[in-house]
Protein backbone atom coordinates (compact mmCIF):
# COMPACT_ATOMS: atom_id res chain seq x y z
CA MET A 1 0.00 0.00 0.00
CA LEU A 2 2.78 2.45 0.94
CA GLU A 3 4.74 1.57 -2.20
CA TRP A 4 1.68 2.28 -4.32
CA LEU A 5 1.06 5.58 -2.54
CA VAL A 6 4.65 6.78 -2.99
CA GLY A 7 4.64 5.72 -6.64
CA ALA A 8 1.36 7.51 -7.33
CA SER A 9 2.63 10.66 -5.62
CA VAL A 10 5.87 10.69 -7.64
CA TRP A 11 3.88 10.09 -10.82
CA ALA A 12 1.44 12.96 -10.08
CA VAL A 13 4.18 15.44 -9.13
CA SER A 14 6.20 14.48 -12.20
CA ASN A 15 3.24 15.10 -14.47
CA PHE A 16 2.56 18.47 -12.88
CA VAL A 17 6.23 19.51 -13.15
CA TYR A 18 6.45 18.50 -16.80
CA PHE A 19 3.16 20.21 -17.65
CA ASP A 20 4.17 23.44 -15.90
CA ARG A 21 7.68 23.56 -17.39
CA LYS A 22 6.41 22.87 -20.92
CA ARG A 23 3.62 25.42 -20.59
CA ARG A 24 6.13 28.10 -19.51
CA GLY A 25 8.63 27.07 -22.19
CA LEU A 26 11.36 26.24 -19.67
CA ARG A 27 13.87 23.50 -20.34
CA GLY A 28 16.18 21.69 -17.97
CA ALA A 29 16.78 18.60 -15.90
CA SER A 30 13.53 18.89 -13.93
CA ARG A 31 11.51 18.88 -17.15
CA PHE A 32 13.47 15.90 -18.48
CA PHE A 33 13.05 13.84 -15.32
CA GLY A 34 9.46 14.95 -14.96
CA PHE A 35 8.74 13.61 -18.43
CA TRP A 36 10.29 10.20 -17.85
CA LEU A 37 8.98 9.71 -14.31
CA GLY A 38 5.45 10.68 -15.35
CA THR A 39 5.21 8.39 -18.36
CA PRO A 40 2.79 7.43 -20.03
CA THR A 41 0.51 10.42 -19.43
CA THR A 42 3.25 12.94 -20.13
CA TRP A 43 3.08 11.81 -23.76
CA VAL A 44 -0.40 13.32 -23.88
CA THR A 45 0.97 16.58 -22.50
CA PHE A 46 3.83 16.38 -25.01
CA PHE A 47 1.40 16.43 -27.94
CA VAL A 48 -1.40 18.63 -26.53
CA VAL A 49 0.34 21.49 -24.69
CA HIS A 50 2.10 24.06 -26.85
CA GLU A 51 5.62 25.09 -25.90
CA GLY A 52 5.58 28.40 -24.04
CA SER A 53 1.79 28.75 -24.26
CA VAL A 54 1.59 31.03 -21.21
CA ASP A 55 3.33 34.36 -20.78
CA THR A 56 5.44 34.82 -17.69
CA LEU A 57 4.43 37.92 -15.77
CA GLU A 58 7.21 40.32 -14.93
CA PRO A 59 6.82 42.31 -11.70
CA PRO A 60 6.52 46.06 -12.16
CA PRO A 61 9.73 48.01 -11.64
CA ASP A 62 10.41 49.35 -8.17
CA ASP A 63 9.84 53.07 -7.89
CA GLU A 64 11.96 53.99 -4.89
CA ALA A 65 11.78 57.73 -5.60
CA ALA A 66 7.97 57.71 -5.40
CA LEU A 67 8.11 55.75 -2.14
CA PHE A 68 10.54 58.25 -0.60
CA ARG A 69 8.35 61.16 -1.76
CA GLU A 70 5.35 59.54 -0.08
CA VAL A 71 7.27 59.03 3.18
CA ARG A 72 8.47 62.66 3.16
CA ARG A 73 4.94 63.91 2.44
CA ASP A 74 3.58 61.79 5.29
CA ARG A 75 6.19 63.17 7.69
CA LYS A 76 5.39 66.76 6.66
CA LEU A 77 1.67 66.14 7.23
CA ARG A 78 2.37 64.68 10.67
CA ALA A 79 4.54 67.67 11.55
CA LEU A 80 1.83 70.10 10.44
CA LYS A 81 -0.76 68.26 12.55
CA GLY A 82 1.56 68.52 15.55
CA SER A 83 1.64 64.78 16.15
CA PRO A 84 4.69 64.05 18.31
CA GLU A 85 4.51 60.29 17.75
CA GLU A 86 6.52 58.69 15.02
CA PRO A 87 5.27 55.51 13.38
CA GLY A 88 6.59 52.50 15.25
CA SER A 89 7.20 54.34 18.51
CA ALA A 90 5.47 53.49 21.76
CA PRO A 91 2.30 55.49 22.46
CA SER A 92 2.62 58.23 25.06
CA GLU A 93 0.92 57.73 28.40
CA ASN A 94 -1.62 60.33 29.51
C-alpha cells in the first residue's frame, strides 16, 4: 500500500512539473526527469500542450523615488498636525 502511494505521488508530481515547465517554455533537468517519471501520461501533455503557451508575468519596476516622496509627504503632514509620535514608537501615556 505504501509503495503504491509513494509511486502515485511521484507520478502525479512528475506530471505536474512536466506540464508546468512545458507550458512556460522552460527547459532543464527537472523537465526531463518529470517527463520520464510521469510516463505514459506525459506523452499526452507532449502532444497537446504548446511550448511556451503562457506568458510569464514580470513584476513592475520598483519606484523607490515615489516611495521616498510619499514618506516625506507623510512626515510633513504629521509635523503640520503637531503629532509628536513617530510611526513605530510606543504610544505616550496620559
